[in-house]
């Protein structure tokens, strides 16, 4: 079972934000935890479904990383 501490950053409007690298790390850790649980027999259910869901989480993390890289690359430098 994964345990993570994720920092919350308050925005000016009071909304709480989570750093993108922590979000992607959480998604990848969750996917890896599911796969590990599936391999050890701790997780009950269809093995293919577990692998597919873990793949979706990993792809989502990759997509977030790509979008963040694109955003920071397009941002003007001081």
Protein backbone atom coordinates (compact mmCIF):
# COMPACT_ATOMS: atom_id res chain seq x y z
CA UNK A 1 0.00 0.00 0.00
CA UNK A 2 1.35 3.39 -0.96
CA UNK A 3 1.63 6.29 1.43
CA UNK A 4 2.38 9.73 0.11
CA UNK A 5 2.45 13.23 1.42
CA UNK A 6 1.27 15.79 -1.11
CA UNK A 7 1.77 19.51 -0.49
CA UNK A 8 -1.20 21.79 -1.00
CA UNK A 9 -0.49 25.29 -2.26
CA UNK A 10 -3.12 27.97 -1.63
CA UNK A 11 -3.85 30.18 -4.63
CA UNK A 12 -4.77 33.87 -4.31
CA UNK A 13 -8.46 33.00 -4.68
CA UNK A 14 -8.34 30.41 -1.87
CA UNK A 15 -8.30 27.37 -4.15
CA UNK A 16 -5.84 24.67 -3.12
CA UNK A 17 -3.42 23.52 -5.81
CA UNK A 18 -1.29 20.38 -6.02
CA UNK A 19 2.05 20.49 -7.90
CA UNK A 20 1.78 18.59 -11.19
CA UNK A 21 4.84 16.46 -10.48
CA UNK A 22 3.17 15.20 -7.31
CA UNK A 23 -0.02 14.38 -9.21
CA UNK A 24 1.87 12.42 -11.86
CA UNK A 25 3.95 10.71 -9.19
CA UNK A 26 0.78 9.70 -7.36
CA UNK A 27 -0.77 8.32 -10.56
CA UNK A 28 2.35 6.32 -11.39
CA UNK A 29 2.68 5.02 -7.82
CA UNK A 30 -0.95 3.96 -7.77
CA UNK A 31 -0.55 2.14 -11.10
CA UNK A 32 2.61 0.39 -9.87
CA UNK A 33 0.88 -0.56 -6.60
CA UNK A 34 -2.04 -2.08 -8.51
CA UNK A 35 0.32 -4.08 -10.73
CA UNK A 36 2.31 -5.28 -7.74
CA UNK A 37 -0.88 -6.29 -5.92
CA UNK A 38 -2.05 -8.13 -9.02
CA UNK A 39 1.27 -10.02 -9.28
CA UNK A 40 1.27 -11.02 -5.60
CA UNK A 41 -2.39 -12.06 -5.68
CA UNK A 42 -3.48 -9.41 -3.17
CA UNK A 43 -5.87 -7.79 -5.63
CA UNK A 44 -8.90 -9.78 -6.65
CA UNK A 45 -10.38 -9.27 -10.05
CA UNK A 46 -9.68 -9.64 -13.70
CA UNK A 47 -5.92 -9.38 -14.28
CA UNK A 48 -6.32 -7.79 -17.70
CA UNK A 49 -8.62 -5.12 -16.25
CA UNK A 50 -6.06 -4.29 -13.55
CA UNK A 51 -3.30 -3.99 -16.19
CA UNK A 52 -5.54 -1.87 -18.42
CA UNK A 53 -6.47 0.49 -15.59
CA UNK A 54 -2.82 0.80 -14.52
CA UNK A 55 -1.97 1.62 -18.14
CA UNK A 56 -4.64 4.33 -18.23
CA UNK A 57 -3.21 5.94 -15.08
CA UNK A 58 0.30 5.85 -16.53
CA UNK A 59 -0.89 7.35 -19.82
CA UNK A 60 -2.71 10.11 -17.93
CA UNK A 61 0.48 10.88 -15.99
CA UNK A 62 2.43 11.00 -19.26
CA UNK A 63 -0.16 13.33 -20.80
CA UNK A 64 0.01 15.68 -17.81
CA UNK A 65 3.82 15.71 -18.04
CA UNK A 66 3.73 16.51 -21.76
CA UNK A 67 1.22 19.32 -21.26
CA UNK A 68 3.28 20.80 -18.42
CA UNK A 69 6.44 20.65 -20.52
CA UNK A 70 4.60 22.37 -23.36
CA UNK A 71 3.27 25.02 -21.01
CA UNK A 72 6.65 25.77 -19.44
CA UNK A 73 8.38 25.72 -22.83
CA UNK A 74 5.92 28.27 -24.21
CA UNK A 75 6.12 30.55 -21.18
CA UNK A 76 8.20 33.69 -21.72
CA UNK A 77 11.52 33.70 -19.87
CA UNK A 78 12.47 36.76 -17.81
